[in-house]
Amino acid sequence: MGRPRLDHTLSPENVFSRMVPGRAYKSYKIADKMRVRNAAILPILKVLVAKGLIEERQTNTTPRYVRPDFTVKRPAVVTGPGAPSVASYRIPISPPRVITDYEREIQRRQELCMMVRR
């Protein structure tokens, strides 16, 4: 008993079912999976984008089509005055403050070097 044959009929439902959630595809890769030409798959992808079933992401060369993965929980975006921000005020470093452990280590190594004979 062999593997069941894949349905290669060209329909929006069939194209949507063959896309893996969370993975980005270029149109020619989807056309290759469906064994049709790229020009035949583009109108179907536009229909799926218009219905909101897949997302179209622009890249430098060709758009990529992504079937969103709704099983992955994304963190909620916090907005407002208490929201964490990447940008913050500059924290001044006081140059007169010395790092005592660092200076102590330098002093210890200097004394050790002076004890060693040449």
PDB file of N, CA and C in Angstrom:
ATOM      1  N   MET A   1       0.844  -1.165   0.000  1.00  0.00           N
ATOM      2  CA  MET A   1       0.000   0.000   0.000  1.00  0.00           C
ATOM      3  C   MET A   1       0.896   1.236   0.000  1.00  0.00           C
ATOM      4  N   GLY A   2       0.713   2.109  -0.966  1.00  0.00           N
ATOM      5  CA  GLY A   2       1.540   3.302  -1.093  1.00  0.00           C
ATOM      6  C   GLY A   2       0.955   4.487  -0.363  1.00  0.00           C
ATOM      7  N   ARG A   3       1.626   5.580  -0.501  1.00  0.00           N
ATOM      8  CA  ARG A   3       1.143   6.823   0.099  1.00  0.00           C
ATOM      9  C   ARG A   3      -0.087   7.310  -0.641  1.00  0.00           C
ATOM     10  N   PRO A   4      -0.986   7.977   0.065  1.00  0.00           N
ATOM     11  CA  PRO A   4      -2.149   8.517  -0.634  1.00  0.00           C
ATOM     12  C   PRO A   4      -1.722   9.651  -1.560  1.00  0.00           C
ATOM     13  N   ARG A   5      -2.382   9.751  -2.698  1.00  0.00           N
ATOM     14  CA  ARG A   5      -2.045  10.798  -3.659  1.00  0.00           C
ATOM     15  C   ARG A   5      -2.508  12.154  -3.149  1.00  0.00           C
ATOM     16  N   LEU A   6      -1.680  13.162  -3.404  1.00  0.00           N
ATOM     17  CA  LEU A   6      -2.028  14.515  -3.019  1.00  0.00           C
ATOM     18  C   LEU A   6      -2.967  15.109  -4.056  1.00  0.00           C
ATOM     19  N   ASP A   7      -3.876  15.920  -3.580  1.00  0.00           N
ATOM     20  CA  ASP A   7      -4.823  16.583  -4.462  1.00  0.00           C
ATOM     21  C   ASP A   7      -4.151  17.821  -5.036  1.00  0.00           C
ATOM     22  N   HIS A   8      -3.931  17.864  -6.340  1.00  0.00           N
ATOM     23  CA  HIS A   8      -3.247  18.985  -6.981  1.00  0.00           C
ATOM     24  C   HIS A   8      -4.223  19.933  -7.670  1.00  0.00           C
ATOM     25  N   THR A   9      -5.526  19.837  -7.366  1.00  0.00           N
ATOM     26  CA  THR A   9      -6.467  20.771  -7.977  1.00  0.00           C
ATOM     27  C   THR A   9      -6.208  22.165  -7.430  1.00  0.00           C
ATOM     28  N   LEU A  10      -6.373  23.140  -8.276  1.00  0.00           N
ATOM     29  CA  LEU A  10      -6.026  24.508  -7.925  1.00  0.00           C
ATOM     30  C   LEU A  10      -7.248  25.210  -7.358  1.00  0.00           C
ATOM     31  N   SER A  11      -7.290  25.337  -6.039  1.00  0.00           N
ATOM     32  CA  SER A  11      -8.359  26.059  -5.361  1.00  0.00           C
ATOM     33  C   SER A  11      -7.763  26.746  -4.147  1.00  0.00           C
ATOM     34  N   PRO A  12      -8.378  27.840  -3.687  1.00  0.00           N
ATOM     35  CA  PRO A  12      -7.830  28.538  -2.511  1.00  0.00           C
ATOM     36  C   PRO A  12      -7.777  27.647  -1.270  1.00  0.00           C
ATOM     37  N   GLU A  13      -8.775  26.803  -1.078  1.00  0.00           N
ATOM     38  CA  GLU A  13      -8.793  25.916   0.093  1.00  0.00           C
ATOM     39  C   GLU A  13      -7.653  24.907   0.037  1.00  0.00           C
ATOM     40  N   ASN A  14      -7.395  24.385  -1.159  1.00  0.00           N
ATOM     41  CA  ASN A  14      -6.333  23.394  -1.314  1.00  0.00           C
ATOM     42  C   ASN A  14      -4.957  24.034  -1.106  1.00  0.00           C
ATOM     43  N   VAL A  15      -4.762  25.235  -1.642  1.00  0.00           N
ATOM     44  CA  VAL A  15      -3.485  25.935  -1.458  1.00  0.00           C
ATOM     45  C   VAL A  15      -3.284  26.262   0.020  1.00  0.00           C
ATOM     46  N   PHE A  16      -4.343  26.725   0.690  1.00  0.00           N
ATOM     47  CA  PHE A  16      -4.257  27.060   2.107  1.00  0.00           C
ATOM     48  C   PHE A  16      -3.926  25.830   2.946  1.00  0.00           C
ATOM     49  N   SER A  17      -4.520  24.692   2.599  1.00  0.00           N
ATOM     50  CA  SER A  17      -4.283  23.474   3.387  1.00  0.00           C
ATOM     51  C   SER A  17      -2.870  22.936   3.205  1.00  0.00           C
ATOM     52  N   ARG A  18      -2.242  23.228   2.074  1.00  0.00           N
ATOM     53  CA  ARG A  18      -0.889  22.720   1.825  1.00  0.00           C
ATOM     54  C   ARG A  18       0.191  23.584   2.468  1.00  0.00           C
ATOM     55  N   MET A  19      -0.170  24.791   2.922  1.00  0.00           N
ATOM     56  CA  MET A  19       0.812  25.675   3.564  1.00  0.00           C
ATOM     57  C   MET A  19       0.934  25.324   5.044  1.00  0.00           C
ATOM     58  N   VAL A  20       2.163  25.270   5.541  1.00  0.00           N
ATOM     59  CA  VAL A  20       2.437  24.969   6.945  1.00  0.00           C
ATOM     60  C   VAL A  20       2.331  26.265   7.745  1.00  0.00           C
ATOM     61  N   PRO A  21       1.619  26.266   8.873  1.00  0.00           N
ATOM     62  CA  PRO A  21       1.497  27.488   9.672  1.00  0.00           C
ATOM     63  C   PRO A  21       2.846  27.982  10.188  1.00  0.00           C
ATOM     64  N   GLY A  22       3.054  29.299  10.086  1.00  0.00           N
ATOM     65  CA  GLY A  22       4.273  29.907  10.598  1.00  0.00           C
ATOM     66  C   GLY A  22       5.441  29.893   9.637  1.00  0.00           C
ATOM     67  N   ARG A  23       5.291  29.306   8.454  1.00  0.00           N
ATOM     68  CA  ARG A  23       6.395  29.222   7.502  1.00  0.00           C
ATOM     69  C   ARG A  23       6.152  30.180   6.348  1.00  0.00           C
ATOM     70  N   ALA A  24       7.196  30.852   5.881  1.00  0.00           N
ATOM     71  CA  ALA A  24       7.092  31.812   4.781  1.00  0.00           C
ATOM     72  C   ALA A  24       7.410  31.111   3.463  1.00  0.00           C
ATOM     73  N   TYR A  25       6.580  31.365   2.472  1.00  0.00           N
ATOM     74  CA  TYR A  25       6.754  30.770   1.151  1.00  0.00           C
ATOM     75  C   TYR A  25       6.829  31.869   0.107  1.00  0.00           C
ATOM     76  N   LYS A  26       7.636  31.660  -0.910  1.00  0.00           N
ATOM     77  CA  LYS A  26       7.584  32.495  -2.098  1.00  0.00           C
ATOM     78  C   LYS A  26       6.565  31.861  -3.040  1.00  0.00           C
ATOM     79  N   SER A  27       6.005  32.670  -3.917  1.00  0.00           N
ATOM     80  CA  SER A  27       4.913  32.183  -4.761  1.00  0.00           C
ATOM     81  C   SER A  27       5.362  31.034  -5.669  1.00  0.00           C
ATOM     82  N   TYR A  28       6.590  31.081  -6.167  1.00  0.00           N
ATOM     83  CA  TYR A  28       7.023  30.014  -7.063  1.00  0.00           C
ATOM     84  C   TYR A  28       7.215  28.689  -6.329  1.00  0.00           C
ATOM     85  N   LYS A  29       7.516  28.745  -5.020  1.00  0.00           N
ATOM     86  CA  LYS A  29       7.626  27.502  -4.241  1.00  0.00           C
ATOM     87  C   LYS A  29       6.253  26.862  -4.051  1.00  0.00           C
ATOM     88  N   ILE A  30       5.238  27.693  -3.813  1.00  0.00           N
ATOM     89  CA  ILE A  30       3.886  27.160  -3.675  1.00  0.00           C
ATOM     90  C   ILE A  30       3.420  26.599  -5.005  1.00  0.00           C
ATOM     91  N   ALA A  31       3.750  27.290  -6.094  1.00  0.00           N
ATOM     92  CA  ALA A  31       3.381  26.805  -7.424  1.00  0.00           C
ATOM     93  C   ALA A  31       4.064  25.475  -7.722  1.00  0.00           C
ATOM     94  N   ASP A  32       5.281  25.319  -7.272  1.00  0.00           N
ATOM     95  CA  ASP A  32       6.002  24.059  -7.473  1.00  0.00           C
ATOM     96  C   ASP A  32       5.343  22.929  -6.679  1.00  0.00           C
ATOM     97  N   LYS A  33       4.878  23.231  -5.466  1.00  0.00           N
ATOM     98  CA  LYS A  33       4.181  22.215  -4.671  1.00  0.00           C
ATOM     99  C   LYS A  33       2.885  21.775  -5.339  1.00  0.00           C
ATOM    100  N   MET A  34       2.194  22.732  -5.956  1.00  0.00           N
ATOM    101  CA  MET A  34       0.913  22.437  -6.580  1.00  0.00           C
ATOM    102  C   MET A  34       1.065  21.955  -8.020  1.00  0.00           C
ATOM    103  N   ARG A  35       2.276  21.964  -8.529  1.00  0.00           N
ATOM    104  CA  ARG A  35       2.600  21.544  -9.893  1.00  0.00           C
ATOM    105  C   ARG A  35       1.871  22.373 -10.943  1.00  0.00           C
ATOM    106  N   VAL A  36       1.897  23.685 -10.744  1.00  0.00           N
ATOM    107  CA  VAL A  36       1.340  24.616 -11.719  1.00  0.00           C
ATOM    108  C   VAL A  36       2.354  25.731 -11.940  1.00  0.00           C
ATOM    109  N   ARG A  37       2.044  26.617 -12.881  1.00  0.00           N
ATOM    110  CA  ARG A  37       2.931  27.745 -13.147  1.00  0.00           C
ATOM    111  C   ARG A  37       2.704  28.837 -12.105  1.00  0.00           C
ATOM    112  N   ASN A  38       3.701  29.681 -11.943  1.00  0.00           N
ATOM    113  CA  ASN A  38       3.633  30.758 -10.965  1.00  0.00           C
ATOM    114  C   ASN A  38       2.502  31.730 -11.295  1.00  0.00           C
ATOM    115  N   ALA A  39       2.285  32.005 -12.572  1.00  0.00           N
ATOM    116  CA  ALA A  39       1.229  32.937 -12.977  1.00  0.00           C
ATOM    117  C   ALA A  39      -0.155  32.414 -12.596  1.00  0.00           C
ATOM    118  N   ALA A  40      -0.325  31.107 -12.500  1.00  0.00           N
ATOM    119  CA  ALA A  40      -1.620  30.536 -12.137  1.00  0.00           C
ATOM    120  C   ALA A  40      -1.874  30.607 -10.631  1.00  0.00           C
ATOM    121  N   ILE A  41      -0.829  30.629  -9.828  1.00  0.00           N
ATOM    122  CA  ILE A  41      -1.002  30.601  -8.366  1.00  0.00           C
ATOM    123  C   ILE A  41      -1.150  32.008  -7.785  1.00  0.00           C
ATOM    124  N   LEU A  42      -0.631  33.032  -8.454  1.00  0.00           N
ATOM    125  CA  LEU A  42      -0.667  34.394  -7.917  1.00  0.00           C
ATOM    126  C   LEU A  42      -2.077  34.903  -7.644  1.00  0.00           C
ATOM    127  N   PRO A  43      -3.078  34.719  -8.548  1.00  0.00           N
ATOM    128  CA  PRO A  43      -4.433  35.196  -8.220  1.00  0.00           C
ATOM    129  C   PRO A  43      -5.032  34.492  -6.999  1.00  0.00           C
ATOM    130  N   ILE A  44      -4.717  33.233  -6.822  1.00  0.00           N
ATOM    131  CA  ILE A  44      -5.240  32.496  -5.667  1.00  0.00           C
ATOM    132  C   ILE A  44      -4.609  33.024  -4.378  1.00  0.00           C
ATOM    133  N   LEU A  45      -3.328  33.331  -4.406  1.00  0.00           N
ATOM    134  CA  LEU A  45      -2.667  33.894  -3.233  1.00  0.00           C
ATOM    135  C   LEU A  45      -3.242  35.268  -2.901  1.00  0.00           C
ATOM    136  N   LYS A  46      -3.558  36.062  -3.931  1.00  0.00           N
ATOM    137  CA  LYS A  46      -4.165  37.379  -3.699  1.00  0.00           C
ATOM    138  C   LYS A  46      -5.541  37.238  -3.053  1.00  0.00           C
ATOM    139  N   VAL A  47      -6.310  36.206  -3.452  1.00  0.00           N
ATOM    140  CA  VAL A  47      -7.625  35.956  -2.849  1.00  0.00           C
ATOM    141  C   VAL A  47      -7.467  35.589  -1.380  1.00  0.00           C
ATOM    142  N   LEU A  48      -6.487  34.726  -1.065  1.00  0.00           N
ATOM    143  CA  LEU A  48      -6.256  34.327   0.321  1.00  0.00           C
ATOM    144  C   LEU A  48      -5.803  35.504   1.176  1.00  0.00           C
ATOM    145  N   VAL A  49      -5.009  36.400   0.596  1.00  0.00           N
ATOM    146  CA  VAL A  49      -4.574  37.599   1.327  1.00  0.00           C
ATOM    147  C   VAL A  49      -5.764  38.515   1.568  1.00  0.00           C
ATOM    148  N   ALA A  50      -6.627  38.662   0.563  1.00  0.00           N
ATOM    149  CA  ALA A  50      -7.804  39.523   0.705  1.00  0.00           C
ATOM    150  C   ALA A  50      -8.766  38.983   1.762  1.00  0.00           C
ATOM    151  N   LYS A  51      -8.875  37.651   1.877  1.00  0.00           N
ATOM    152  CA  LYS A  51      -9.738  37.042   2.894  1.00  0.00           C
ATOM    153  C   LYS A  51      -9.116  37.128   4.284  1.00  0.00           C
ATOM    154  N   GLY A  52      -7.812  37.375   4.363  1.00  0.00           N
ATOM    155  CA  GLY A  52      -7.130  37.463   5.647  1.00  0.00           C
ATOM    156  C   GLY A  52      -6.651  36.123   6.169  1.00  0.00           C
ATOM    157  N   LEU A  53      -6.654  35.098   5.320  1.00  0.00           N
ATOM    158  CA  LEU A  53      -6.198  33.780   5.766  1.00  0.00           C
ATOM    159  C   LEU A  53      -4.683  33.677   5.798  1.00  0.00           C
ATOM    160  N   ILE A  54      -4.017  34.374   4.888  1.00  0.00           N
ATOM    161  CA  ILE A  54      -2.546  34.393   4.878  1.00  0.00           C
ATOM    162  C   ILE A  54      -2.086  35.840   4.865  1.00  0.00           C
ATOM    163  N   GLU A  55      -0.811  36.040   5.191  1.00  0.00           N
ATOM    164  CA  GLU A  55      -0.211  37.377   5.205  1.00  0.00           C
ATOM    165  C   GLU A  55       0.794  37.485   4.078  1.00  0.00           C
ATOM    166  N   GLU A  56       0.873  38.669   3.498  1.00  0.00           N
ATOM    167  CA  GLU A  56       1.863  38.934   2.464  1.00  0.00           C
ATOM    168  C   GLU A  56       2.930  39.826   3.065  1.00  0.00           C
ATOM    169  N   ARG A  57       4.163  39.367   3.081  1.00  0.00           N
ATOM    170  CA  ARG A  57       5.278  40.141   3.630  1.00  0.00           C
ATOM    171  C   ARG A  57       6.213  40.522   2.502  1.00  0.00           C
ATOM    172  N   GLN A  58       6.478  41.812   2.394  1.00  0.00           N
ATOM    173  CA  GLN A  58       7.337  42.301   1.332  1.00  0.00           C
ATOM    174  C   GLN A  58       8.802  42.081   1.709  1.00  0.00           C
ATOM    175  N   THR A  59       9.576  41.658   0.736  1.00  0.00           N
ATOM    176  CA  THR A  59      11.021  41.537   0.904  1.00  0.00           C
ATOM    177  C   THR A  59      11.678  42.378  -0.177  1.00  0.00           C
ATOM    178  N   ASN A  60      12.985  42.313  -0.282  1.00  0.00           N
ATOM    179  CA  ASN A  60      13.691  43.111  -1.291  1.00  0.00           C
ATOM    180  C   ASN A  60      13.363  42.661  -2.709  1.00  0.00           C
ATOM    181  N   THR A  61      13.149  41.383  -2.907  1.00  0.00           N
ATOM    182  CA  THR A  61      12.956  40.879  -4.265  1.00  0.00           C
ATOM    183  C   THR A  61      11.501  40.500  -4.536  1.00  0.00           C
ATOM    184  N   THR A  62      11.007  39.470  -3.888  1.00  0.00           N
ATOM    185  CA  THR A  62       9.643  39.000  -4.134  1.00  0.00           C
ATOM    186  C   THR A  62       8.904  38.893  -2.812  1.00  0.00           C
ATOM    187  N   PRO A  63       7.581  39.053  -2.829  1.00  0.00           N
ATOM    188  CA  PRO A  63       6.836  38.934  -1.572  1.00  0.00           C
ATOM    189  C   PRO A  63       6.804  37.490  -1.089  1.00  0.00           C
ATOM    190  N   ARG A  64       6.709  37.343   0.206  1.00  0.00           N
ATOM    191  CA  ARG A  64       6.579  36.021   0.823  1.00  0.00           C
ATOM    192  C   ARG A  64       5.195  35.931   1.434  1.00  0.00           C
ATOM    193  N   TYR A  65       4.634  34.749   1.381  1.00  0.00           N
ATOM    194  CA  TYR A  65       3.300  34.507   1.903  1.00  0.00           C
ATOM    195  C   TYR A  65       3.405  33.591   3.113  1.00  0.00           C
ATOM    196  N   VAL A  66       2.728  33.993   4.204  1.00  0.00           N
ATOM    197  CA  VAL A  66       2.832  33.270   5.466  1.00  0.00           C
ATOM    198  C   VAL A  66       1.431  32.925   5.952  1.00  0.00           C
ATOM    199  N   ARG A  67       1.256  31.668   6.312  1.00  0.00           N
ATOM    200  CA  ARG A  67       0.025  31.270   6.993  1.00  0.00           C
ATOM    201  C   ARG A  67       0.291  31.455   8.478  1.00  0.00           C
ATOM    202  N   PRO A  68      -0.439  32.376   9.137  1.00  0.00           N
ATOM    203  CA  PRO A  68      -0.147  32.659  10.550  1.00  0.00           C
ATOM    204  C   PRO A  68      -0.384  31.435  11.428  1.00  0.00           C
ATOM    205  N   ASP A  69       0.444  31.306  12.440  1.00  0.00           N
ATOM    206  CA  ASP A  69       0.319  30.217  13.408  1.00  0.00           C
ATOM    207  C   ASP A  69      -0.404  30.768  14.628  1.00  0.00           C
ATOM    208  N   PHE A  70      -1.682  30.446  14.753  1.00  0.00           N
ATOM    209  CA  PHE A  70      -2.483  30.980  15.844  1.00  0.00           C
ATOM    210  C   PHE A  70      -2.316  30.188  17.129  1.00  0.00           C
ATOM    211  N   THR A  71      -1.581  29.072  17.092  1.00  0.00           N
ATOM    212  CA  THR A  71      -1.386  28.291  18.308  1.00  0.00           C
ATOM    213  C   THR A  71      -0.300  28.886  19.191  1.00  0.00           C
ATOM    214  N   VAL A  72       0.587  29.711  18.609  1.00  0.00           N
ATOM    215  CA  VAL A  72       1.667  30.334  19.371  1.00  0.00           C
ATOM    216  C   VAL A  72       1.113  31.574  20.058  1.00  0.00           C
ATOM    217  N   LYS A  73       1.281  31.637  21.370  1.00  0.00           N
ATOM    218  CA  LYS A  73       0.809  32.790  22.122  1.00  0.00           C
ATOM    219  C   LYS A  73       1.879  33.871  22.087  1.00  0.00           C
ATOM    220  N   ARG A  74       1.496  35.017  21.596  1.00  0.00           N
ATOM    221  CA  ARG A  74       2.417  36.137  21.530  1.00  0.00           C
ATOM    222  C   ARG A  74       2.194  37.027  22.743  1.00  0.00           C
ATOM    223  N   PRO A  75       3.253  37.635  23.274  1.00  0.00           N
ATOM    224  CA  PRO A  75       3.077  38.490  24.450  1.00  0.00           C
ATOM    225  C   PRO A  75       2.253  39.723  24.104  1.00  0.00           C
ATOM    226  N   ALA A  76       1.477  40.163  25.058  1.00  0.00           N
ATOM    227  CA  ALA A  76       0.653  41.348  24.855  1.00  0.00           C
ATOM    228  C   ALA A  76       1.539  42.584  24.825  1.00  0.00           C
ATOM    229  N   VAL A  77       1.195  43.507  23.980  1.00  0.00           N
ATOM    230  CA  VAL A  77       1.954  44.740  23.861  1.00  0.00           C
ATOM    231  C   VAL A  77       1.441  45.719  24.906  1.00  0.00           C
ATOM    232  N   VAL A  78       2.329  46.173  25.769  1.00  0.00           N
ATOM    233  CA  VAL A  78       1.973  47.113  26.832  1.00  0.00           C
ATOM    234  C   VAL A  78       2.280  48.512  26.336  1.00  0.00           C
ATOM    235  N   THR A  79       1.273  49.371  26.387  1.00  0.00           N
ATOM    236  CA  THR A  79       1.491  50.758  26.001  1.00  0.00           C
ATOM    237  C   THR A  79       1.092  51.651  27.159  1.00  0.00           C
ATOM    238  N   GLY A  80       1.590  52.843  27.148  1.00  0.00           N
ATOM    239  CA  GLY A  80       1.241  53.787  28.207  1.00  0.00           C
ATOM    240  C   GLY A  80       2.470  54.222  28.976  1.00  0.00           C
ATOM    241  N   PRO A  81       2.255  54.950  30.055  1.00  0.00           N
ATOM    242  CA  PRO A  81       3.396  55.486  30.799  1.00  0.00           C
ATOM    243  C   PRO A  81       4.212  54.418  31.522  1.00  0.00           C
ATOM    244  N   GLY A  82       3.617  53.278  31.872  1.00  0.00           N
ATOM    245  CA  GLY A  82       4.365  52.250  32.594  1.00  0.00           C
ATOM    246  C   GLY A  82       4.998  51.217  31.691  1.00  0.00           C
ATOM    247  N   ALA A  83       4.943  51.426  30.382  1.00  0.00           N
ATOM    248  CA  ALA A  83       5.460  50.438  29.434  1.00  0.00           C
ATOM    249  C   ALA A  83       6.985  50.435  29.444  1.00  0.00           C
ATOM    250  N   PRO A  84       7.589  49.258  29.392  1.00  0.00           N
ATOM    251  CA  PRO A  84       9.049  49.211  29.331  1.00  0.00           C
ATOM    252  C   PRO A  84       9.534  49.726  27.984  1.00  0.00           C
ATOM    253  N   SER A  85      10.658  50.388  28.005  1.00  0.00           N
ATOM    254  CA  SER A  85      11.194  50.973  26.791  1.00  0.00           C
ATOM    255  C   SER A  85      12.652  50.580  26.646  1.00  0.00           C
ATOM    256  N   VAL A  86      13.066  50.444  25.399  1.00  0.00           N
ATOM    257  CA  VAL A  86      14.470  50.146  25.141  1.00  0.00           C
ATOM    258  C   VAL A  86      15.296  51.402  25.363  1.00  0.00           C
ATOM    259  N   ALA A  87      14.745  52.522  24.970  1.00  0.00           N
ATOM    260  CA  ALA A  87      15.449  53.788  25.141  1.00  0.00           C
ATOM    261  C   ALA A  87      15.274  54.279  26.569  1.00  0.00           C
ATOM    262  N   SER A  88      16.335  54.752  27.148  1.00  0.00           N
ATOM    263  CA  SER A  88      16.261  55.309  28.492  1.00  0.00           C
ATOM    264  C   SER A  88      17.278  56.438  28.592  1.00  0.00           C
ATOM    265  N   TYR A  89      17.197  57.147  29.699  1.00  0.00           N
ATOM    266  CA  TYR A  89      18.140  58.225  29.917  1.00  0.00           C
ATOM    267  C   TYR A  89      19.528  57.659  30.148  1.00  0.00           C
ATOM    268  N   ARG A  90      20.523  58.438  29.787  1.00  0.00           N
ATOM    269  CA  ARG A  90      21.901  58.016  29.965  1.00  0.00           C
ATOM    270  C   ARG A  90      22.241  58.003  31.445  1.00  0.00           C
ATOM    271  N   ILE A  91      22.879  56.934  31.870  1.00  0.00           N
ATOM    272  CA  ILE A  91      23.296  56.816  33.265  1.00  0.00           C
ATOM    273  C   ILE A  91      24.732  57.320  33.360  1.00  0.00           C
ATOM    274  N   PRO A  92      24.947  58.405  34.076  1.00  0.00           N
ATOM    275  CA  PRO A  92      26.312  58.940  34.154  1.00  0.00           C
ATOM    276  C   PRO A  92      27.211  58.041  34.997  1.00  0.00           C
ATOM    277  N   ILE A  93      28.450  57.925  34.547  1.00  0.00           N
ATOM    278  CA  ILE A  93      29.449  57.161  35.287  1.00  0.00           C
ATOM    279  C   ILE A  93      30.401  58.172  35.903  1.00  0.00           C
ATOM    280  N   SER A  94      30.579  58.077  37.204  1.00  0.00           N
ATOM    281  CA  SER A  94      31.443  59.043  37.871  1.00  0.00           C
ATOM    282  C   SER A  94      32.896  58.600  37.736  1.00  0.00           C
ATOM    283  N   PRO A  95      33.718  59.339  36.990  1.00  0.00           N
ATOM    284  CA  PRO A  95      35.122  58.959  36.797  1.00  0.00           C
ATOM    285  C   PRO A  95      35.964  58.990  38.059  1.00  0.00           C
ATOM    286  N   PRO A  96      35.707  59.863  39.045  1.00  0.00           N
ATOM    287  CA  PRO A  96      36.573  59.857  40.221  1.00  0.00           C
ATOM    288  C   PRO A  96      36.459  58.562  41.032  1.00  0.00           C
ATOM    289  N   ARG A  97      35.349  57.862  40.889  1.00  0.00           N
ATOM    290  CA  ARG A  97      35.175  56.635  41.657  1.00  0.00           C
ATOM    291  C   ARG A  97      36.137  55.576  41.112  1.00  0.00           C
ATOM    292  N   VAL A  98      36.879  54.966  42.000  1.00  0.00           N
ATOM    293  CA  VAL A  98      37.850  53.967  41.577  1.00  0.00           C
ATOM    294  C   VAL A  98      37.329  52.581  41.918  1.00  0.00           C
ATOM    295  N   ILE A  99      37.764  51.646  41.131  1.00  0.00           N
ATOM    296  CA  ILE A  99      37.402  50.253  41.394  1.00  0.00           C
ATOM    297  C   ILE A  99      38.497  49.682  42.271  1.00  0.00           C
ATOM    298  N   THR A 100      38.172  49.480  43.530  1.00  0.00           N
ATOM    299  CA  THR A 100      39.197  49.110  44.508  1.00  0.00           C
ATOM    300  C   THR A 100      39.751  47.714  44.257  1.00  0.00           C
ATOM    301  N   ASP A 101      38.912  46.763  43.891  1.00  0.00           N
ATOM    302  CA  ASP A 101      39.417  45.405  43.662  1.00  0.00           C
ATOM    303  C   ASP A 101      40.396  45.378  42.494  1.00  0.00           C
ATOM    304  N   TYR A 102      40.105  46.143  41.456  1.00  0.00           N
ATOM    305  CA  TYR A 102      40.975  46.182  40.294  1.00  0.00           C
ATOM    306  C   TYR A 102      42.327  46.777  40.656  1.00  0.00           C
ATOM    307  N   GLU A 103      42.319  47.874  41.368  1.00  0.00           N
ATOM    308  CA  GLU A 103      43.578  48.497  41.761  1.00  0.00           C
ATOM    309  C   GLU A 103      44.355  47.617  42.727  1.00  0.00           C
ATOM    310  N   ARG A 104      43.637  46.919  43.601  1.00  0.00           N
ATOM    311  CA  ARG A 104      44.289  46.014  44.542  1.00  0.00           C
ATOM    312  C   ARG A 104      44.985  44.876  43.778  1.00  0.00           C
ATOM    313  N   GLU A 105      44.334  44.351  42.728  1.00  0.00           N
ATOM    314  CA  GLU A 105      44.922  43.270  41.933  1.00  0.00           C
ATOM    315  C   GLU A 105      46.165  43.758  41.180  1.00  0.00           C
ATOM    316  N   ILE A 106      46.117  44.960  40.653  1.00  0.00           N
ATOM    317  CA  ILE A 106      47.280  45.522  39.954  1.00  0.00           C
ATOM    318  C   ILE A 106      48.443  45.702  40.936  1.00  0.00           C
ATOM    319  N   GLN A 107      48.158  46.185  42.116  1.00  0.00           N
ATOM    320  CA  GLN A 107      49.196  46.378  43.129  1.00  0.00           C
ATOM    321  C   GLN A 107      49.815  45.041  43.526  1.00  0.00           C
ATOM    322  N   ARG A 108      48.996  43.997  43.682  1.00  0.00           N
ATOM    323  CA  ARG A 108      49.497  42.680  44.062  1.00  0.00           C
ATOM    324  C   ARG A 108      50.403  42.109  42.979  1.00  0.00           C
ATOM    325  N   ARG A 109      50.014  42.254  41.729  1.00  0.00           N
ATOM    326  CA  ARG A 109      50.837  41.742  40.625  1.00  0.00           C
ATOM    327  C   ARG A 109      52.148  42.528  40.506  1.00  0.00           C
ATOM    328  N   GLN A 110      52.076  43.796  40.766  1.00  0.00           N
ATOM    329  CA  GLN A 110      53.282  44.608  40.706  1.00  0.00           C
ATOM    330  C   GLN A 110      54.273  44.175  41.791  1.00  0.00           C
ATOM    331  N   GLU A 111      53.765  43.926  42.979  1.00  0.00           N
ATOM    332  CA  GLU A 111      54.650  43.465  44.064  1.00  0.00           C
ATOM    333  C   GLU A 111      55.216  42.086  43.755  1.00  0.00           C
ATOM    334  N   LEU A 112      54.422  41.231  43.142  1.00  0.00           N
ATOM    335  CA  LEU A 112      54.884  39.895  42.780  1.00  0.00           C
ATOM    336  C   LEU A 112      55.999  39.967  41.744  1.00  0.00           C
ATOM    337  N   CYS A 113      55.841  40.868  40.779  1.00  0.00           N
ATOM    338  CA  CYS A 113      56.873  41.023  39.762  1.00  0.00           C
ATOM    339  C   CYS A 113      58.165  41.561  40.357  1.00  0.00           C
ATOM    340  N   MET A 114      58.070  42.402  41.349  1.00  0.00           N
ATOM    341  CA  MET A 114      59.265  42.976  41.957  1.00  0.00           C
ATOM    342  C   MET A 114      60.008  41.923  42.782  1.00  0.00           C
ATOM    343  N   MET A 115      59.297  40.905  43.290  1.00  0.00           N
ATOM    344  CA  MET A 115      59.962  39.885  44.092  1.00  0.00           C
ATOM    345  C   MET A 115      60.721  38.875  43.237  1.00  0.00           C
ATOM    346  N   VAL A 116      60.322  38.700  42.016  1.00  0.00           N
ATOM    347  CA  VAL A 116      60.936  37.690  41.143  1.00  0.00           C
ATOM    348  C   VAL A 116      62.295  38.220  40.683  1.00  0.00           C
ATOM    349  N   ARG A 117      63.294  37.338  40.718  1.00  0.00           N
ATOM    350  CA  ARG A 117      64.641  37.732  40.304  1.00  0.00           C
ATOM    351  C   ARG A 117      64.707  37.734  38.794  1.00  0.00           C
ATOM    352  N   ARG A 118      65.546  38.589  38.290  1.00  0.00           N
ATOM    353  CA  ARG A 118      65.776  38.643  36.872  1.00  0.00           C
ATOM    354  C   ARG A 118      66.930  37.794  36.484  1.00  0.00           C
TER     355      ARG A 118
END
